């Protein structure tokens, strides 16, 4: 919200016309300045200063306010007073009243205040002193006593706009006109002398070429326009769209940056003398991104190409291989079935006006598996295995049968996985954007159990041959008497092991260990 801190001057005649400098904050977007309830003309000098022209008003104080998008400011008092009712009239002409008003009525209805004279403005020069009949030329007026100027006129026509730069300079924009006219400035002190300004009938611009004559539908292509009478260009247009930017290099050349667009358009240049003929510029499709920009070497997967200028597209190409199936969903999207290929290629789109830029697409080879180590483990899972193979870098999933474990890609040839719980034998496979690998077998081993040990006692010196019976004893890796391994053991079958007891004392638990885990214990007593 704007705020006002001070006014200068703080008073003026009831006839209005006083130039008042308003100081404060938040003036950059001011939309209205009011003296009481009356809106008036004003110029935003800066975010902290406005120059306003006091409108006519009734004698006495009013509140000056500034309104912007954020609201209306506080009010600061401005006093309307009549011309002094006693003493000489300053200079015998228009006066500006300053100082503090004394509300003494002598005679009735007359407010007596001090006054100072305002000298009449003068003009000494105008630069440039000529411009096109269409107007729009920015000129600099030099002179004296220009502060508080309320009007700048070119003959009988007011300037399109003007800014009082200082007491000796005004910058103004010439309106349309013809012939030679007198330029004047008006302040509270009167109207200045005139300085001459001539309107020149300039030839219309012409274009002969645009180079390059085509560019991306996304815009951003820098082009060079050649022609004649290009000085003072105010616009460069591609069809109905203005150029992103342009620079007048000379009377015969303009450098412009093409906006986004589609199809074939006419490029024109506008100056104060009119608009040129058009030269043809063609927009070619622009590829911005290919979503899912990798897939199997066999192709067949679907991807989306996003960009601009896709209406009328005749081909989508992956490297040198055209896609056999695609559909133009809109001017900004194409759905494509990827052809077979290898390596990384550029995806391009071809339309009636040419071929787009490329966007990379990578063909991923099918992964292969050679081994899993270890290739068996307990049904409870939880053990870690190393899977080896090729083309594993882009792995998206690892499965044990239908179960997905936790896994980490170590390199293009190795993955570490934590085995999930399952039973039986399953196929371990890897899935990448290139497809699904072959399977390698992983076997889940059930936990062994023991039911008897015979005999169930023996010498403390060890050496007793015992028979262990139970289940799931195949591939036993250890037999222990308490914490001591058996001197030796032989797996007779899935239900029997023959073992030789080690030396020991007391009663201990005999256990058997396989890849499926360690069995329950059976008591054995040393005698």
Protein backbone atom coordinates (compact mmCIF):
# COMPACT_ATOMS: atom_id res chain seq x y z
CA UNK A 1 0.00 0.00 0.00
CA UNK A 2 1.34 3.50 -0.84
CA UNK A 3 2.15 6.03 1.90
CA UNK A 4 2.64 9.81 1.73
CA UNK A 5 5.19 11.59 3.90
CA UNK A 6 5.11 15.14 2.50
CA UNK A 7 3.80 17.57 -0.16
CA UNK A 8 5.64 20.47 -1.76
CA UNK A 9 4.16 23.04 -1.96
CA UNK A 10 1.42 22.48 0.61
CA UNK A 11 -0.92 25.15 -0.76
CA UNK A 12 -2.04 26.73 -3.99
CA UNK A 13 -4.77 28.81 -5.64
CA UNK A 14 -8.37 27.66 -5.90
CA UNK A 15 -8.02 27.81 -9.69
CA UNK A 16 -5.73 24.79 -9.57
CA UNK A 17 -2.78 24.19 -11.90
CA UNK A 18 -0.14 24.06 -9.17
CA UNK A 19 2.55 21.40 -9.69
CA UNK A 20 2.79 19.45 -6.41
CA UNK A 21 5.62 17.04 -5.57
CA UNK A 22 4.33 14.12 -3.47
CA UNK A 23 6.98 12.19 -1.51
CA UNK A 24 6.44 8.80 0.09
CA UNK A 25 6.69 5.07 -0.72
CA UNK A 26 4.97 2.44 -2.87
CA UNK A 27 4.27 4.76 -5.83
CA UNK A 28 5.58 2.47 -8.62
CA UNK A 29 2.11 1.16 -9.59
CA UNK A 30 0.01 4.19 -8.54
CA UNK A 31 -3.26 4.43 -10.49
CA UNK A 32 -4.96 7.54 -9.02
CA UNK A 33 -4.01 10.77 -7.22
CA UNK A 34 -6.85 12.69 -5.59
CA UNK A 35 -7.11 16.16 -4.03
CA UNK A 36 -10.07 15.59 -1.76
CA UNK A 37 -12.47 13.62 -3.97
CA UNK A 38 -11.13 15.00 -7.25
CA UNK A 39 -8.74 12.84 -9.33
CA UNK A 40 -6.01 14.67 -11.20
CA UNK A 41 -3.20 14.21 -13.73
CA UNK A 42 0.13 12.96 -12.41
CA UNK A 43 3.52 11.55 -13.44
CA UNK A 44 5.33 8.80 -11.48
CA UNK A 45 8.88 10.13 -11.13
CA UNK A 46 10.06 7.14 -9.07
CA UNK A 47 8.69 4.64 -6.53
CA UNK A 48 9.08 7.41 -3.89
CA UNK A 49 7.96 10.53 -5.82
CA UNK A 50 4.97 11.65 -7.86
CA UNK A 51 4.44 15.02 -9.57
CA UNK A 52 0.73 15.92 -9.65
CA UNK A 53 -1.19 18.93 -10.94
CA UNK A 54 -3.61 20.30 -8.35
CA UNK A 55 -7.13 20.51 -9.79
CA UNK A 56 -9.39 23.49 -9.08
CA UNK A 57 -10.90 23.44 -5.62
CA UNK A 58 -12.73 25.40 -2.95
CA UNK A 59 -10.81 27.51 -0.45
CA UNK A 60 -9.62 25.54 2.54
CA UNK A 61 -7.78 22.26 3.26
CA UNK A 62 -8.29 18.91 1.45
CA UNK A 63 -6.62 15.51 1.89
CA UNK A 64 -4.26 14.39 -0.88
CA UNK A 65 -4.20 10.58 -1.38
CA UNK A 66 -2.50 8.09 -3.72
CA UNK A 67 -4.21 4.84 -4.78
CA UNK A 68 -2.48 1.74 -6.15
CA UNK A 69 -3.16 -2.02 -6.46
CA UNK A 70 -2.43 -2.36 -2.74
CA UNK A 71 -5.00 0.22 -1.64
CA UNK A 72 -5.18 3.93 -0.83
CA UNK A 73 -2.54 5.83 1.15
CA UNK A 74 -2.92 8.04 4.20
CA UNK A 75 -4.03 11.62 3.50
CA UNK A 76 -1.81 14.72 3.74
CA UNK A 77 -3.33 18.22 3.90
CA UNK A 78 -3.18 20.59 0.93
CA UNK A 79 -4.70 24.11 1.30
CA UNK A 80 -6.57 25.95 -1.44
CA UNK A 81 -6.36 29.74 -1.02
CA UNK A 82 -7.39 32.69 -3.11
CA UNK A 83 -5.02 35.23 -4.61
CA UNK A 84 -3.78 37.58 -1.84
CA UNK A 85 -6.42 40.12 -1.01
CA UNK A 86 -3.95 42.81 0.09
CA UNK A 87 -0.64 44.02 -1.28
CA UNK A 88 0.74 43.86 -4.83
CA UNK A 89 -0.09 40.97 -7.16
CA UNK A 90 3.23 39.21 -7.92
CA UNK A 91 4.41 39.94 -11.41
CA UNK A 92 0.90 40.90 -12.36
CA UNK A 93 0.29 37.39 -13.81
CA UNK A 94 -0.25 33.81 -12.64
CA UNK A 95 1.21 33.14 -9.18
CA UNK A 96 2.03 30.11 -7.04
CA UNK A 97 1.12 30.45 -3.36
CA UNK A 98 3.55 29.15 -0.75
CA UNK A 99 3.80 29.19 3.02
CA UNK A 100 1.24 28.54 5.71
CA UNK A 101 -2.33 29.76 5.17
CA UNK A 102 -3.68 32.07 7.85
CA UNK A 103 -7.40 31.52 8.03
CA UNK A 104 -8.15 35.19 8.68
CA UNK A 105 -11.04 36.43 6.59
CA UNK A 106 -10.20 39.99 5.46
CA UNK A 107 -12.40 40.71 3.68
CA UNK A 108 -14.99 37.87 3.83
CA UNK A 109 -14.09 34.90 1.62
CA UNK A 110 -10.47 35.96 1.05
CA UNK A 111 -7.53 34.00 2.51
CA UNK A 112 -4.41 36.14 2.84
CA UNK A 113 -1.13 34.30 2.26
CA UNK A 114 2.40 35.15 1.05
CA UNK A 115 3.15 34.46 -2.61
CA UNK A 116 6.11 34.04 -4.98
CA UNK A 117 6.36 34.51 -8.73
CA UNK A 118 6.75 31.64 -11.22
CA UNK A 119 8.94 32.58 -14.17
CA UNK A 120 7.68 31.70 -17.66
CA UNK A 121 9.35 28.67 -19.34
CA UNK A 122 11.63 29.07 -22.35
CA UNK A 123 12.82 26.55 -24.94
CA UNK A 124 16.22 26.80 -26.63
CA UNK A 125 16.55 23.51 -28.56
CA UNK A 126 14.88 20.25 -29.61
CA UNK A 127 16.77 17.08 -30.57
CA UNK A 128 16.15 15.44 -32.96
CA UNK A 129 14.30 18.20 -34.78
CA UNK A 130 12.57 15.87 -37.25
CA UNK A 131 10.78 12.54 -37.28
CA UNK A 132 8.29 10.37 -39.20
CA UNK A 133 4.71 11.46 -39.80
CA UNK A 134 3.50 8.42 -37.81
CA UNK A 135 4.98 9.95 -34.65
CA UNK A 136 6.64 7.93 -31.90
CA UNK A 137 9.99 9.76 -32.06
CA UNK A 138 11.52 10.49 -28.62
CA UNK A 139 12.86 14.07 -28.49
CA UNK A 140 14.76 16.07 -25.87
CA UNK A 141 13.64 19.66 -25.18
CA UNK A 142 16.21 22.02 -23.62
CA UNK A 143 15.39 25.36 -21.96
CA UNK A 144 14.75 27.06 -18.63
CA UNK A 145 12.03 27.10 -15.93
CA UNK A 146 10.60 23.76 -17.13
CA UNK A 147 9.88 22.32 -13.66
CA UNK A 148 6.20 21.50 -13.20
CA UNK A 149 5.41 21.42 -16.91
CA UNK A 150 1.78 20.44 -17.44
CA UNK A 151 1.70 20.23 -21.24
CA UNK A 152 4.07 19.70 -24.18
CA UNK A 153 2.49 20.46 -27.55
CA UNK A 154 3.56 19.75 -31.15
CA UNK A 155 1.58 22.46 -32.91
CA UNK A 156 -1.99 21.97 -31.69
CA UNK A 157 -1.41 18.31 -30.72
CA UNK A 158 -0.18 17.31 -27.31
CA UNK A 159 2.82 14.99 -27.00
CA UNK A 160 2.01 11.28 -26.69
CA UNK A 161 3.84 11.41 -23.34
CA UNK A 162 6.57 13.43 -21.64
CA UNK A 163 8.81 13.42 -18.55
CA UNK A 164 10.27 16.50 -16.86
CA UNK A 165 13.89 15.47 -16.39
CA UNK A 166 14.98 18.74 -14.71
CA UNK A 167 14.35 22.49 -14.75
CA UNK A 168 16.26 22.63 -18.05
CA UNK A 169 15.16 19.43 -19.85
CA UNK A 170 12.02 17.54 -20.90
CA UNK A 171 11.90 14.20 -22.74
CA UNK A 172 8.79 13.87 -24.93
CA UNK A 173 7.35 11.45 -27.50
CA UNK A 174 6.15 13.14 -30.69
CA UNK A 175 2.54 12.52 -31.76
CA UNK A 176 1.58 11.89 -35.39
CA UNK A 177 1.62 14.95 -37.61
CA UNK A 178 2.64 16.56 -40.90
CA UNK A 179 4.74 19.49 -42.02
CA UNK A 180 6.71 21.73 -39.64
CA UNK A 181 5.20 22.69 -36.27
CA UNK A 182 6.10 24.73 -33.18
CA UNK A 183 6.85 22.70 -30.04
CA UNK A 184 5.95 24.47 -26.76
CA UNK A 185 5.96 23.67 -23.04
CA UNK A 186 3.41 25.00 -20.54
CA UNK A 187 3.95 25.47 -16.78
CA UNK A 188 2.24 27.51 -14.04
CA UNK A 189 4.34 30.42 -15.30
CA UNK A 190 2.79 30.29 -18.78
CA UNK A 191 3.57 28.84 -22.22
CA UNK A 192 7.08 28.94 -23.65
CA UNK A 193 8.28 30.15 -26.99
CA UNK A 194 8.22 27.55 -29.79
CA UNK A 195 11.03 25.51 -31.36
CA UNK A 196 10.63 23.98 -34.82
CA UNK A 197 9.99 20.26 -35.38
CA UNK A 198 9.54 18.82 -38.90
CA UNK A 199 7.53 15.73 -39.83
CA UNK A 200 9.24 13.70 -42.54
CA UNK A 201 7.45 11.42 -44.99
CA UNK A 202 9.65 8.28 -44.79
CA UNK A 203 9.54 5.42 -47.34
CA UNK A 204 7.93 2.17 -46.18
CA UNK A 205 10.27 -0.71 -45.26
CA UNK A 206 10.79 -3.66 -47.63
CA UNK A 207 12.16 -7.18 -47.04
CA UNK A 208 14.06 -9.26 -49.60
CA UNK A 209 15.11 -12.32 -47.58
CA UNK A 210 15.20 -14.13 -44.23
CA UNK A 211 18.11 -16.45 -43.38
CA UNK A 212 17.77 -19.19 -42.34
CA UNK A 213 14.30 -19.52 -43.82
CA UNK A 214 13.22 -22.24 -41.38
CA UNK A 215 13.65 -23.08 -37.72
CA UNK A 216 12.39 -24.96 -34.70
CA UNK A 217 8.68 -24.88 -33.83
CA UNK A 218 9.82 -24.23 -30.25
CA UNK A 219 11.22 -20.87 -31.35
CA UNK A 220 14.61 -19.43 -30.44
CA UNK A 221 16.14 -19.53 -33.96
CA UNK A 222 18.20 -16.42 -34.75
CA UNK A 223 17.48 -15.11 -38.25
CA UNK A 224 18.85 -12.25 -40.37
CA UNK A 225 16.35 -10.08 -42.26
CA UNK A 226 17.63 -8.06 -45.21
CA UNK A 227 15.79 -5.28 -47.01
CA UNK A 228 15.55 -1.49 -47.19
CA UNK A 229 14.35 1.40 -44.98
CA UNK A 230 14.59 -0.73 -41.80
CA UNK A 231 15.92 2.04 -39.53
CA UNK A 232 13.49 2.84 -36.71
CA UNK A 233 11.78 -0.56 -36.83
CA UNK A 234 9.24 -0.85 -34.02
CA UNK A 235 8.15 -4.46 -34.57
CA UNK A 236 9.21 -7.71 -36.26
CA UNK A 237 6.40 -10.23 -36.63
CA UNK A 238 6.35 -13.94 -37.55
CA UNK A 239 2.80 -14.43 -38.80
CA UNK A 240 0.77 -12.81 -36.02
CA UNK A 241 3.39 -13.41 -33.31
CA UNK A 242 6.02 -10.85 -32.34
CA UNK A 243 9.67 -11.90 -32.46
CA UNK A 244 11.18 -12.83 -29.10
CA UNK A 245 13.63 -9.96 -29.68
CA UNK A 246 15.25 -8.04 -32.53
CA UNK A 247 18.11 -5.63 -33.21
CA UNK A 248 18.29 -3.12 -36.07
CA UNK A 249 21.84 -3.63 -37.38
CA UNK A 250 21.54 -1.08 -40.20
CA UNK A 251 19.04 0.43 -42.61
CA UNK A 252 19.26 -2.82 -44.62
CA UNK A 253 19.53 -5.51 -41.91
CA UNK A 254 17.74 -6.70 -38.76
CA UNK A 255 18.72 -9.64 -36.53
CA UNK A 256 15.67 -11.27 -34.89
CA UNK A 257 14.93 -14.28 -32.67
CA UNK A 258 11.95 -16.29 -33.96
CA UNK A 259 9.09 -17.02 -31.55
CA UNK A 260 7.49 -20.47 -31.32
CA UNK A 261 5.04 -21.36 -34.08
CA UNK A 262 3.89 -23.94 -36.61
CA UNK A 263 3.55 -24.23 -40.37
CA UNK A 264 4.69 -21.55 -42.80
CA UNK A 265 4.32 -17.85 -41.89
CA UNK A 266 5.16 -14.44 -43.34
CA UNK A 267 7.81 -12.35 -41.57
CA UNK A 268 7.21 -8.58 -41.66
CA UNK A 269 8.88 -5.44 -40.28
CA UNK A 270 7.01 -2.34 -39.08
CA UNK A 271 8.46 1.19 -38.88
CA UNK A 272 6.86 4.59 -38.46
CA UNK A 273 6.33 4.62 -42.23
CA UNK A 274 4.31 1.38 -42.30
CA UNK A 275 4.65 -2.42 -42.52
CA UNK A 276 6.82 -4.21 -45.07
CA UNK A 277 5.96 -7.00 -47.44
CA UNK A 278 6.29 -10.54 -46.02
CA UNK A 279 9.04 -13.11 -46.56
CA UNK A 280 8.35 -16.81 -45.98
CA UNK A 281 9.60 -18.60 -42.85
CA UNK A 282 8.85 -22.31 -42.20
CA UNK A 283 8.61 -23.94 -38.78
CA UNK A 284 9.99 -27.49 -38.56
CA UNK A 285 8.94 -29.85 -35.73
CA UNK A 286 10.85 -29.59 -32.44
CA UNK A 287 11.48 -32.59 -30.17
CA UNK A 288 11.69 -31.64 -26.50
CA UNK A 289 11.82 -35.04 -24.78
CA UNK A 290 11.27 -38.76 -25.35
CA UNK A 291 9.65 -40.33 -22.31
CA UNK A 292 10.85 -43.88 -21.49
CA UNK A 293 13.90 -43.18 -23.65
CA UNK A 294 15.36 -46.68 -23.35
CA UNK A 295 14.09 -50.14 -24.18
CA UNK A 296 14.92 -53.61 -25.54
CA UNK A 297 16.98 -54.13 -28.67
CA UNK A 298 14.08 -56.10 -30.11
CA UNK A 299 11.92 -52.96 -30.01
CA UNK A 300 8.15 -53.24 -29.83
CA UNK A 301 7.77 -51.08 -26.74
CA UNK A 302 5.74 -47.84 -26.78
CA UNK A 303 7.23 -44.39 -26.04
CA UNK A 304 5.90 -40.81 -26.05
CA UNK A 305 7.65 -38.04 -27.99
CA UNK A 306 6.83 -34.52 -26.74
CA UNK A 307 7.63 -31.24 -28.47
CA UNK A 308 6.05 -28.72 -30.87
CA UNK A 309 4.79 -28.58 -34.42
CA UNK A 310 3.77 -32.23 -34.76
CA UNK A 311 0.62 -31.62 -36.80
CA UNK A 312 1.11 -33.21 -40.23
CA UNK A 313 4.17 -35.29 -39.18
CA UNK A 314 5.06 -37.87 -41.82
CA UNK A 315 7.84 -39.89 -40.11
CA UNK A 316 9.42 -40.69 -36.74
CA UNK A 317 12.93 -42.13 -37.03
CA UNK A 318 15.19 -43.91 -34.53
CA UNK A 319 18.68 -43.32 -35.88
CA UNK A 320 18.29 -44.38 -39.51
CA UNK A 321 15.35 -46.73 -38.83
CA UNK A 322 11.83 -45.37 -39.28
CA UNK A 323 9.15 -46.40 -36.82
CA UNK A 324 6.52 -48.44 -38.65
CA UNK A 325 3.76 -47.46 -36.21
CA UNK A 326 3.09 -44.03 -34.68
CA UNK A 327 0.13 -41.76 -34.00
CA UNK A 328 0.07 -37.96 -33.71
CA UNK A 329 -1.94 -37.39 -30.52
CA UNK A 330 -1.72 -33.58 -30.71
CA UNK A 331 0.52 -30.81 -31.97
CA UNK A 332 2.77 -31.50 -28.96
CA UNK A 333 2.73 -35.33 -28.56
CA UNK A 334 3.32 -38.47 -30.64
CA UNK A 335 2.89 -42.09 -29.49
CA UNK A 336 5.45 -44.38 -31.16
CA UNK A 337 6.12 -48.13 -31.30
CA UNK A 338 9.92 -48.45 -31.19
CA UNK A 339 11.64 -50.37 -34.02
CA UNK A 340 14.49 -52.83 -33.32
CA UNK A 341 17.98 -51.37 -32.91
CA UNK A 342 21.19 -51.27 -30.89
CA UNK A 343 23.20 -48.67 -28.99
CA UNK A 344 22.13 -45.04 -28.52
CA UNK A 345 20.40 -43.32 -31.46
CA UNK A 346 18.73 -39.96 -32.11
CA UNK A 347 14.95 -39.82 -32.35
CA UNK A 348 13.79 -37.28 -34.97
CA UNK A 349 10.41 -36.19 -36.31
CA UNK A 350 9.82 -35.15 -39.92
CA UNK A 351 7.00 -32.83 -40.99
CA UNK A 352 6.04 -30.95 -44.16
CA UNK A 353 8.71 -28.28 -43.53
CA UNK A 354 11.62 -30.49 -42.52
CA UNK A 355 13.14 -32.66 -39.79
CA UNK A 356 13.40 -31.80 -36.10
CA UNK A 357 16.35 -31.87 -33.77
CA UNK A 358 17.24 -35.28 -32.28
CA UNK A 359 16.68 -36.69 -28.78
CA UNK A 360 18.71 -39.70 -27.56
CA UNK A 361 17.15 -43.16 -27.18
CA UNK A 362 19.17 -46.10 -25.84
CA UNK A 363 18.64 -49.74 -26.80
CA UNK A 364 19.31 -52.03 -23.82
CA UNK A 365 20.54 -55.60 -24.54
CA UNK A 366 18.71 -58.53 -22.89
CA UNK A 367 20.35 -59.49 -19.57
CA UNK A 368 21.81 -62.98 -19.08
CA UNK A 369 22.53 -64.92 -15.87
CA UNK A 370 25.37 -67.44 -15.53
CA UNK A 371 25.32 -68.41 -11.82
CA UNK A 372 24.03 -67.82 -8.32
CA UNK A 373 26.29 -68.48 -5.34
CA UNK A 374 25.41 -70.16 -3.08
CA UNK A 375 22.66 -71.81 -5.07
CA UNK A 376 20.81 -73.19 -2.03
CA UNK A 377 19.79 -72.06 1.42
CA UNK A 378 17.23 -72.34 4.20
CA UNK A 379 13.51 -72.09 3.59
CA UNK A 380 13.41 -69.18 6.01
CA UNK A 381 15.60 -67.13 3.61
CA UNK A 382 17.64 -64.17 4.85
CA UNK A 383 20.97 -65.39 3.47
CA UNK A 384 22.91 -63.32 0.91
CA UNK A 385 23.73 -64.60 -2.57
CA UNK A 386 25.80 -63.27 -5.51
CA UNK A 387 24.14 -63.35 -8.94
CA UNK A 388 26.51 -63.10 -11.92
CA UNK A 389 25.76 -62.49 -15.59
CA UNK A 390 25.87 -59.73 -18.23
CA UNK A 391 23.98 -56.47 -19.00
CA UNK A 392 22.84 -56.07 -15.41
CA UNK A 393 23.46 -52.31 -14.98
CA UNK A 394 19.89 -51.20 -15.74
CA UNK A 395 18.24 -53.93 -13.62
CA UNK A 396 14.70 -52.99 -12.61
CA UNK A 397 13.75 -56.16 -10.74
CA UNK A 398 15.15 -59.46 -9.39
CA UNK A 399 12.77 -62.36 -8.74
CA UNK A 400 13.06 -65.69 -6.89
CA UNK A 401 10.20 -67.53 -8.55
CA UNK A 402 7.52 -64.86 -8.18
CA UNK A 403 8.99 -63.17 -5.09
CA UNK A 404 11.06 -59.95 -5.30
CA UNK A 405 13.84 -59.72 -2.68
CA UNK A 406 16.06 -56.85 -1.61
CA UNK A 407 18.89 -56.47 -4.12
CA UNK A 408 21.76 -54.20 -5.17
CA UNK A 409 23.48 -53.87 -8.56
CA UNK A 410 27.23 -54.07 -7.92
CA UNK A 411 28.29 -53.83 -11.58
CA UNK A 412 27.18 -54.73 -15.06
CA UNK A 413 28.05 -58.38 -14.25
CA UNK A 414 27.05 -58.78 -10.59
CA UNK A 415 24.06 -58.33 -8.26
CA UNK A 416 23.87 -59.00 -4.51
CA UNK A 417 20.47 -60.21 -3.23
CA UNK A 418 18.99 -61.19 0.13
CA UNK A 419 17.06 -64.45 -0.39
CA UNK A 420 13.33 -64.32 0.47
CA UNK A 421 11.61 -67.20 2.32
CA UNK A 422 10.18 -69.97 0.09
CA UNK A 423 10.28 -73.74 -0.46
CA UNK A 424 11.46 -76.09 -3.18
CA UNK A 425 13.51 -75.03 -6.20
CA UNK A 426 12.82 -71.72 -8.02
CA UNK A 427 14.18 -69.86 -11.02
CA UNK A 428 16.02 -66.63 -10.30
CA UNK A 429 15.61 -64.02 -13.09
CA UNK A 430 16.52 -60.37 -13.71
CA UNK A 431 14.40 -57.77 -15.53
CA UNK A 432 15.86 -54.68 -17.26
CA UNK A 433 14.49 -52.31 -19.95
CA UNK A 434 16.16 -54.78 -22.33
CA UNK A 435 13.87 -57.64 -21.24
CA UNK A 436 13.90 -60.63 -18.87
CA UNK A 437 16.97 -62.82 -18.43
CA UNK A 438 17.20 -66.60 -18.47
CA UNK A 439 16.73 -68.29 -15.10
CA UNK A 440 19.27 -69.91 -12.74
CA UNK A 441 18.10 -72.47 -10.16
CA UNK A 442 18.06 -71.78 -6.44
CA UNK A 443 17.04 -74.60 -4.06
CA UNK A 444 15.42 -74.06 -0.67
CA UNK A 445 16.55 -76.67 1.86
CA UNK A 446 14.23 -77.71 4.71
CA UNK A 447 15.59 -77.57 8.28
CA UNK A 448 17.00 -80.97 9.43
CA UNK A 449 15.50 -82.83 12.44
CA UNK A 450 16.95 -85.54 14.73
CA UNK A 451 14.83 -88.18 16.45
CA UNK A 452 17.45 -90.55 18.01
CA UNK A 453 21.13 -91.06 18.66
CA UNK A 454 22.29 -94.67 19.23
CA UNK A 455 24.04 -95.44 21.42
CA UNK A 456 23.20 -92.36 23.45
CA UNK A 457 26.33 -92.56 25.62
CA UNK A 458 30.01 -93.28 25.22
CA UNK A 459 33.54 -92.88 26.55
CA UNK A 460 34.78 -89.49 27.65
CA UNK A 461 37.79 -90.22 25.49
CA UNK A 462 35.52 -90.15 22.44
CA UNK A 463 35.78 -92.58 19.52
CA UNK A 464 32.27 -94.02 19.96
CA UNK A 465 30.47 -94.67 16.69
CA UNK A 466 26.84 -93.49 16.90
CA UNK A 467 23.92 -93.56 14.48
CA UNK A 468 21.80 -90.40 14.15
CA UNK A 469 18.28 -90.80 12.70
CA UNK A 470 15.96 -88.01 11.61
CA UNK A 471 14.81 -86.17 8.47
CA UNK A 472 16.29 -83.81 5.82
CA UNK A 473 19.84 -84.94 6.62
CA UNK A 474 21.09 -84.98 3.01
CA UNK A 475 24.01 -82.61 2.38
CA UNK A 476 24.77 -82.27 6.11
CA UNK A 477 27.76 -79.99 6.57
CA UNK A 478 28.38 -80.56 10.30
CA UNK A 479 27.58 -82.86 13.25
CA UNK A 480 28.30 -81.42 16.69
CA UNK A 481 28.45 -82.91 20.19
CA UNK A 482 27.68 -79.83 22.23
CA UNK A 483 30.10 -77.24 20.90
CA UNK A 484 32.57 -79.82 19.62
CA UNK A 485 32.41 -81.15 16.04
CA UNK A 486 32.22 -84.92 15.56
CA UNK A 487 35.59 -86.54 14.88
CA UNK A 488 34.05 -87.66 11.55
CA UNK A 489 30.65 -88.37 10.06
CA UNK A 490 29.04 -89.98 7.01
CA UNK A 491 25.61 -89.13 5.54
CA UNK A 492 24.06 -92.54 4.95
CA UNK A 493 20.74 -91.22 3.66
CA UNK A 494 18.25 -88.41 4.09
CA UNK A 495 17.24 -90.05 7.39
CA UNK A 496 20.59 -91.35 8.81
CA UNK A 497 24.09 -90.18 9.66
CA UNK A 498 26.89 -92.26 11.16
CA UNK A 499 29.24 -90.18 13.33
CA UNK A 500 32.27 -90.74 15.59
CA UNK A 501 32.00 -88.86 18.93
CA UNK A 502 34.80 -86.51 19.98
CA UNK A 503 36.20 -86.46 23.52
CA UNK A 504 33.93 -84.80 26.08
CA UNK A 505 32.29 -84.88 29.49
CA UNK A 506 28.81 -84.77 30.94
CA UNK A 507 25.65 -84.74 28.84
CA UNK A 508 25.61 -82.70 25.60
CA UNK A 509 23.21 -82.03 22.72
CA UNK A 510 24.02 -83.68 19.41
CA UNK A 511 22.95 -81.61 16.34
CA UNK A 512 23.25 -81.89 12.58
CA UNK A 513 23.68 -78.86 10.26
CA UNK A 514 22.75 -78.66 6.54
CA UNK A 515 22.19 -75.80 4.10
CA UNK A 516 18.67 -75.68 5.54
CA UNK A 517 19.90 -74.84 9.04
CA UNK A 518 20.74 -76.65 12.28
CA UNK A 519 18.54 -79.44 13.71
CA UNK A 520 17.12 -79.81 17.17
CA UNK A 521 19.44 -81.47 19.73
CA UNK A 522 19.43 -85.09 21.05
CA UNK A 523 21.06 -85.82 24.44
CA UNK A 524 24.34 -87.79 24.49
CA UNK A 525 26.11 -88.68 27.79
CA UNK A 526 29.87 -89.07 28.26
CA UNK A 527 30.74 -91.95 30.68
